[in-house]
């Protein structure tokens, strides 16, 4: 008796929209939940080579919290590409400037580093 494994195709994936309220929630916990939904880990038909994750909308990203007073200690770095072009910004300033970027960076670092990362 032969067993056949059925793999899900890209056309067979059912994507659902999720709305997550990040108000007064911890950044890492929210990012973990979002990454899990984007990858599709909570679905029965997960396939490693198909982007089968759902769509996520995050509300109140400016009210996200960090634990143990890290608001003034957590740094975000970017480099301009020029010598001496390393730029630093503290979490408090980044949340005021663009709160979406904080959640985006946290989720991006939780996704697997492969070709499907840009699609998610």
N, C-alpha and C. Protein backbone atom coordinates (compact mmCIF):
# COMPACT_ATOMS: atom_id res chain seq x y z
N UNK A 1 0.85 -1.18 0.00
CA UNK A 1 0.00 0.00 0.00
C UNK A 1 0.89 1.24 0.00
N UNK A 2 0.67 2.10 -0.98
CA UNK A 2 1.47 3.32 -1.08
C UNK A 2 0.69 4.49 -0.50
N UNK A 3 1.43 5.30 0.22
CA UNK A 3 0.84 6.51 0.76
C UNK A 3 1.32 7.70 -0.07
N UNK A 4 0.43 8.62 -0.30
CA UNK A 4 0.77 9.79 -1.09
C UNK A 4 0.58 11.03 -0.24
N UNK A 5 1.59 11.86 -0.21
CA UNK A 5 1.50 13.12 0.52
C UNK A 5 1.00 14.20 -0.42
N UNK A 6 -0.07 14.86 -0.06
CA UNK A 6 -0.61 15.93 -0.87
C UNK A 6 -0.02 17.25 -0.41
N UNK A 7 0.63 17.95 -1.33
CA UNK A 7 1.21 19.25 -1.04
C UNK A 7 0.25 20.33 -1.50
N UNK A 8 0.14 21.36 -0.71
CA UNK A 8 -0.74 22.47 -1.04
C UNK A 8 -0.07 23.36 -2.10
N UNK A 9 -0.83 23.71 -3.12
CA UNK A 9 -0.34 24.63 -4.15
C UNK A 9 -0.65 26.06 -3.74
N UNK A 10 -0.02 27.00 -4.44
CA UNK A 10 -0.25 28.41 -4.16
C UNK A 10 -1.71 28.79 -4.42
N UNK A 11 -2.32 28.17 -5.41
CA UNK A 11 -3.71 28.50 -5.75
C UNK A 11 -4.71 27.92 -4.75
N UNK A 12 -4.31 26.95 -3.97
CA UNK A 12 -5.21 26.30 -3.01
C UNK A 12 -5.21 26.96 -1.64
N UNK A 13 -4.36 27.95 -1.44
CA UNK A 13 -4.22 28.58 -0.13
C UNK A 13 -5.37 29.56 0.10
N UNK A 14 -6.04 29.42 1.24
CA UNK A 14 -7.09 30.35 1.64
C UNK A 14 -6.49 31.34 2.63
N UNK A 15 -6.44 32.60 2.22
CA UNK A 15 -5.87 33.63 3.08
C UNK A 15 -6.98 34.42 3.75
N UNK A 16 -6.76 34.71 5.01
CA UNK A 16 -7.74 35.42 5.83
C UNK A 16 -7.09 36.70 6.35
N UNK A 17 -7.89 37.73 6.54
CA UNK A 17 -7.40 38.98 7.12
C UNK A 17 -7.56 38.94 8.63
N UNK A 18 -6.51 39.31 9.37
CA UNK A 18 -6.54 39.38 10.83
C UNK A 18 -6.28 40.83 11.25
N UNK A 19 -7.01 41.29 12.24
CA UNK A 19 -6.80 42.62 12.80
C UNK A 19 -6.30 42.44 14.23
N UNK A 20 -5.13 43.01 14.52
CA UNK A 20 -4.52 42.88 15.84
C UNK A 20 -4.40 44.26 16.45
N UNK A 21 -4.88 44.38 17.69
CA UNK A 21 -4.78 45.64 18.42
C UNK A 21 -3.55 45.57 19.33
N UNK A 22 -2.56 46.40 19.08
CA UNK A 22 -1.30 46.37 19.83
C UNK A 22 -1.29 47.32 21.02
N UNK A 23 -2.43 47.87 21.37
CA UNK A 23 -2.48 48.84 22.46
C UNK A 23 -2.11 48.19 23.79
N UNK A 24 -1.12 48.76 24.47
CA UNK A 24 -0.64 48.31 25.78
C UNK A 24 -0.20 46.85 25.78
N UNK A 25 0.29 46.34 24.67
CA UNK A 25 0.82 44.99 24.61
C UNK A 25 2.33 45.07 24.43
N UNK A 26 3.02 44.00 24.81
CA UNK A 26 4.47 43.96 24.72
C UNK A 26 4.88 43.68 23.28
N UNK A 27 5.89 44.40 22.81
CA UNK A 27 6.31 44.35 21.41
C UNK A 27 6.65 42.93 20.96
N UNK A 28 7.41 42.20 21.75
CA UNK A 28 7.82 40.85 21.37
C UNK A 28 6.66 39.89 21.25
N UNK A 29 5.69 40.01 22.14
CA UNK A 29 4.52 39.12 22.10
C UNK A 29 3.67 39.39 20.87
N UNK A 30 3.48 40.66 20.56
CA UNK A 30 2.69 41.03 19.38
C UNK A 30 3.42 40.60 18.11
N UNK A 31 4.72 40.82 18.05
CA UNK A 31 5.50 40.46 16.87
C UNK A 31 5.50 38.95 16.64
N UNK A 32 5.55 38.17 17.71
CA UNK A 32 5.51 36.72 17.59
C UNK A 32 4.19 36.26 17.02
N UNK A 33 3.10 36.82 17.49
CA UNK A 33 1.77 36.48 16.98
C UNK A 33 1.64 36.85 15.50
N UNK A 34 2.12 38.03 15.13
CA UNK A 34 2.05 38.48 13.74
C UNK A 34 2.89 37.58 12.84
N UNK A 35 4.11 37.26 13.27
CA UNK A 35 4.99 36.41 12.46
C UNK A 35 4.38 35.02 12.26
N UNK A 36 3.77 34.49 13.30
CA UNK A 36 3.13 33.18 13.19
C UNK A 36 1.99 33.20 12.18
N UNK A 37 1.20 34.27 12.18
CA UNK A 37 0.10 34.40 11.23
C UNK A 37 0.62 34.60 9.80
N UNK A 38 1.69 35.38 9.64
CA UNK A 38 2.24 35.62 8.31
C UNK A 38 2.85 34.36 7.69
N UNK A 39 3.49 33.55 8.52
CA UNK A 39 4.08 32.31 8.03
C UNK A 39 3.01 31.28 7.73
N UNK A 40 1.93 31.28 8.51
CA UNK A 40 0.87 30.30 8.33
C UNK A 40 1.01 29.12 9.26
N UNK A 41 1.73 29.31 10.37
CA UNK A 41 1.97 28.22 11.31
C UNK A 41 0.69 27.71 11.97
N UNK A 42 -0.33 28.54 12.04
CA UNK A 42 -1.55 28.14 12.72
C UNK A 42 -2.53 27.43 11.79
N UNK A 43 -2.11 27.17 10.56
CA UNK A 43 -2.94 26.46 9.59
C UNK A 43 -2.56 24.99 9.55
N UNK A 44 -3.50 24.18 9.15
CA UNK A 44 -3.25 22.75 9.05
C UNK A 44 -2.42 22.45 7.80
N UNK A 45 -2.62 23.20 6.76
CA UNK A 45 -1.99 22.92 5.47
C UNK A 45 -0.73 23.74 5.24
N UNK A 46 0.17 23.74 6.20
CA UNK A 46 1.41 24.51 6.04
C UNK A 46 2.39 23.72 5.18
N UNK A 47 2.98 24.40 4.21
CA UNK A 47 3.97 23.81 3.31
C UNK A 47 5.18 24.74 3.31
N UNK A 48 6.39 24.21 3.46
CA UNK A 48 7.56 25.08 3.60
C UNK A 48 7.92 25.89 2.35
N UNK A 49 7.49 25.46 1.16
CA UNK A 49 7.90 26.16 -0.05
C UNK A 49 6.80 27.04 -0.64
N UNK A 50 5.68 27.20 0.05
CA UNK A 50 4.57 28.02 -0.43
C UNK A 50 4.24 29.06 0.63
N UNK A 51 4.06 30.30 0.19
CA UNK A 51 3.65 31.36 1.12
C UNK A 51 2.16 31.19 1.39
N UNK A 52 1.83 30.52 2.48
CA UNK A 52 0.44 30.23 2.81
C UNK A 52 -0.06 31.00 4.00
N UNK A 53 0.62 32.06 4.37
CA UNK A 53 0.22 32.84 5.54
C UNK A 53 -0.95 33.75 5.27
N UNK A 54 -1.47 34.32 6.33
CA UNK A 54 -2.61 35.22 6.26
C UNK A 54 -2.14 36.67 6.19
N UNK A 55 -3.10 37.57 6.01
CA UNK A 55 -2.83 39.00 6.00
C UNK A 55 -3.08 39.56 7.39
N UNK A 56 -2.29 40.53 7.81
CA UNK A 56 -2.39 41.09 9.16
C UNK A 56 -2.44 42.61 9.09
N UNK A 57 -3.37 43.18 9.86
CA UNK A 57 -3.46 44.63 10.04
C UNK A 57 -3.23 44.90 11.52
N UNK A 58 -2.31 45.82 11.83
CA UNK A 58 -2.00 46.15 13.22
C UNK A 58 -2.53 47.54 13.53
N UNK A 59 -3.32 47.63 14.58
CA UNK A 59 -3.87 48.90 15.04
C UNK A 59 -3.12 49.37 16.29
N UNK A 60 -3.09 50.67 16.51
CA UNK A 60 -2.49 51.28 17.71
C UNK A 60 -1.03 50.87 17.90
N UNK A 61 -0.26 50.91 16.84
CA UNK A 61 1.15 50.52 16.95
C UNK A 61 1.96 51.53 17.77
N UNK A 62 1.45 52.73 17.92
CA UNK A 62 2.17 53.73 18.72
C UNK A 62 2.02 53.51 20.21
N UNK A 63 1.15 52.60 20.64
CA UNK A 63 0.94 52.32 22.06
C UNK A 63 1.57 51.01 22.51
N UNK A 64 2.47 50.45 21.71
CA UNK A 64 3.12 49.21 22.07
C UNK A 64 4.13 49.48 23.19
N UNK A 65 4.36 48.49 24.05
CA UNK A 65 5.23 48.66 25.22
C UNK A 65 6.43 47.72 25.14
N UNK A 66 7.45 48.04 25.91
CA UNK A 66 8.60 47.18 26.12
C UNK A 66 8.67 46.83 27.60
N UNK A 67 9.41 45.78 27.94
CA UNK A 67 9.50 45.36 29.33
C UNK A 67 10.68 46.01 30.02
N UNK A 68 10.60 46.16 31.32
CA UNK A 68 11.67 46.59 32.23
C UNK A 68 12.40 47.86 31.82
N UNK A 69 11.70 48.86 31.43
CA UNK A 69 12.31 50.16 31.18
C UNK A 69 13.26 50.21 30.00
N UNK A 70 13.03 49.39 28.99
CA UNK A 70 13.91 49.39 27.83
C UNK A 70 13.59 50.52 26.86
N UNK A 71 12.56 51.30 27.13
CA UNK A 71 12.16 52.36 26.20
C UNK A 71 13.29 53.34 25.92
N UNK A 72 14.10 53.61 26.94
CA UNK A 72 15.19 54.57 26.76
C UNK A 72 16.53 53.88 26.45
N UNK A 73 16.56 52.55 26.46
CA UNK A 73 17.81 51.82 26.25
C UNK A 73 17.88 51.10 24.90
N UNK A 74 16.75 50.69 24.36
CA UNK A 74 16.74 49.93 23.11
C UNK A 74 17.08 50.85 21.94
N UNK A 75 18.07 50.43 21.15
CA UNK A 75 18.55 51.25 20.03
C UNK A 75 18.23 50.56 18.70
N UNK A 76 17.94 51.37 17.71
CA UNK A 76 17.78 50.91 16.33
C UNK A 76 18.90 51.53 15.51
N UNK A 77 19.52 50.72 14.65
CA UNK A 77 20.67 51.16 13.88
C UNK A 77 20.37 51.06 12.39
N UNK A 78 20.92 51.99 11.63
CA UNK A 78 20.91 51.90 10.17
C UNK A 78 22.18 52.57 9.67
N UNK A 79 22.62 52.14 8.50
CA UNK A 79 23.84 52.69 7.92
C UNK A 79 23.51 53.31 6.58
N UNK A 80 24.02 54.50 6.34
CA UNK A 80 23.73 55.22 5.11
C UNK A 80 24.54 54.72 3.93
N UNK A 81 25.62 53.99 4.20
CA UNK A 81 26.49 53.51 3.14
C UNK A 81 27.73 54.36 2.97
N UNK A 82 27.78 55.46 3.64
CA UNK A 82 28.95 56.34 3.59
C UNK A 82 29.82 56.11 4.82
N UNK A 83 31.12 56.42 4.74
CA UNK A 83 31.99 56.27 5.91
C UNK A 83 31.48 57.12 7.08
N UNK A 84 31.38 56.52 8.23
CA UNK A 84 30.87 57.22 9.41
C UNK A 84 29.37 57.44 9.36
N UNK A 85 28.67 56.67 8.56
CA UNK A 85 27.24 56.89 8.36
C UNK A 85 26.34 56.01 9.20
N UNK A 86 26.83 55.53 10.35
CA UNK A 86 26.00 54.72 11.23
C UNK A 86 25.07 55.63 12.03
N UNK A 87 23.78 55.44 11.87
CA UNK A 87 22.79 56.26 12.56
C UNK A 87 22.13 55.43 13.65
N UNK A 88 21.94 56.02 14.81
CA UNK A 88 21.30 55.37 15.94
C UNK A 88 20.06 56.16 16.32
N UNK A 89 19.02 55.44 16.73
CA UNK A 89 17.82 56.09 17.23
C UNK A 89 17.27 55.25 18.37
N UNK A 90 16.86 55.91 19.44
CA UNK A 90 16.31 55.24 20.62
C UNK A 90 14.86 54.86 20.34
N UNK A 91 14.38 53.82 21.02
CA UNK A 91 13.01 53.33 20.85
C UNK A 91 11.99 54.44 21.05
N UNK A 92 12.17 55.25 22.08
CA UNK A 92 11.22 56.34 22.36
C UNK A 92 11.09 57.29 21.18
N UNK A 93 12.22 57.64 20.57
CA UNK A 93 12.20 58.56 19.43
C UNK A 93 11.64 57.89 18.18
N UNK A 94 11.96 56.61 18.00
CA UNK A 94 11.46 55.89 16.82
C UNK A 94 9.95 55.72 16.88
N UNK A 95 9.41 55.48 18.06
CA UNK A 95 7.96 55.30 18.20
C UNK A 95 7.24 56.61 17.91
N UNK A 96 7.88 57.74 18.23
CA UNK A 96 7.28 59.04 17.90
C UNK A 96 7.40 59.35 16.41
N UNK A 97 8.54 58.98 15.83
CA UNK A 97 8.79 59.27 14.43
C UNK A 97 7.93 58.39 13.50
N UNK A 98 8.01 57.07 13.67
CA UNK A 98 7.24 56.14 12.85
C UNK A 98 7.06 54.85 13.65
N UNK A 99 5.90 54.70 14.27
CA UNK A 99 5.66 53.54 15.13
C UNK A 99 5.50 52.26 14.33
N UNK A 100 5.12 52.35 13.07
CA UNK A 100 4.97 51.15 12.24
C UNK A 100 6.32 50.47 12.03
N UNK A 101 7.37 51.25 11.95
CA UNK A 101 8.71 50.71 11.68
C UNK A 101 9.19 49.81 12.83
N UNK A 102 8.80 50.13 14.05
CA UNK A 102 9.20 49.33 15.22
C UNK A 102 8.64 47.91 15.09
N UNK A 103 7.36 47.81 14.80
CA UNK A 103 6.73 46.49 14.67
C UNK A 103 7.24 45.79 13.41
N UNK A 104 7.44 46.53 12.35
CA UNK A 104 7.94 45.95 11.11
C UNK A 104 9.31 45.31 11.30
N UNK A 105 10.22 45.98 12.00
CA UNK A 105 11.55 45.43 12.24
C UNK A 105 11.50 44.21 13.15
N UNK A 106 10.64 44.26 14.17
CA UNK A 106 10.54 43.12 15.09
C UNK A 106 10.01 41.89 14.37
N UNK A 107 9.00 42.08 13.53
CA UNK A 107 8.42 40.95 12.79
C UNK A 107 9.39 40.45 11.72
N UNK A 108 10.05 41.36 11.03
CA UNK A 108 10.98 40.98 9.96
C UNK A 108 12.10 40.09 10.48
N UNK A 109 12.59 40.39 11.68
CA UNK A 109 13.66 39.58 12.26
C UNK A 109 13.17 38.23 12.75
N UNK A 110 11.86 38.06 12.91
CA UNK A 110 11.30 36.78 13.33
C UNK A 110 10.96 35.87 12.15
N UNK A 111 10.89 36.42 10.95
CA UNK A 111 10.58 35.61 9.77
C UNK A 111 11.84 34.89 9.30
N UNK A 112 11.65 33.75 8.64
CA UNK A 112 12.79 32.99 8.14
C UNK A 112 13.47 33.76 7.01
N UNK A 113 14.77 33.65 6.96
CA UNK A 113 15.56 34.40 5.99
C UNK A 113 15.68 33.60 4.69
N UNK A 114 14.63 33.59 3.88
CA UNK A 114 14.64 32.89 2.60
C UNK A 114 13.88 33.69 1.55
N UNK A 115 13.61 33.09 0.40
CA UNK A 115 12.97 33.80 -0.70
C UNK A 115 11.54 34.20 -0.40
N UNK A 116 10.89 33.53 0.52
CA UNK A 116 9.50 33.83 0.85
C UNK A 116 9.36 35.03 1.78
N UNK A 117 10.47 35.48 2.35
CA UNK A 117 10.42 36.57 3.33
C UNK A 117 9.85 37.86 2.75
N UNK A 118 10.22 38.20 1.53
CA UNK A 118 9.74 39.44 0.92
C UNK A 118 8.25 39.38 0.61
N UNK A 119 7.73 38.20 0.32
CA UNK A 119 6.31 38.05 0.02
C UNK A 119 5.45 38.18 1.27
N UNK A 120 6.01 37.85 2.41
CA UNK A 120 5.24 37.87 3.64
C UNK A 120 5.24 39.24 4.17
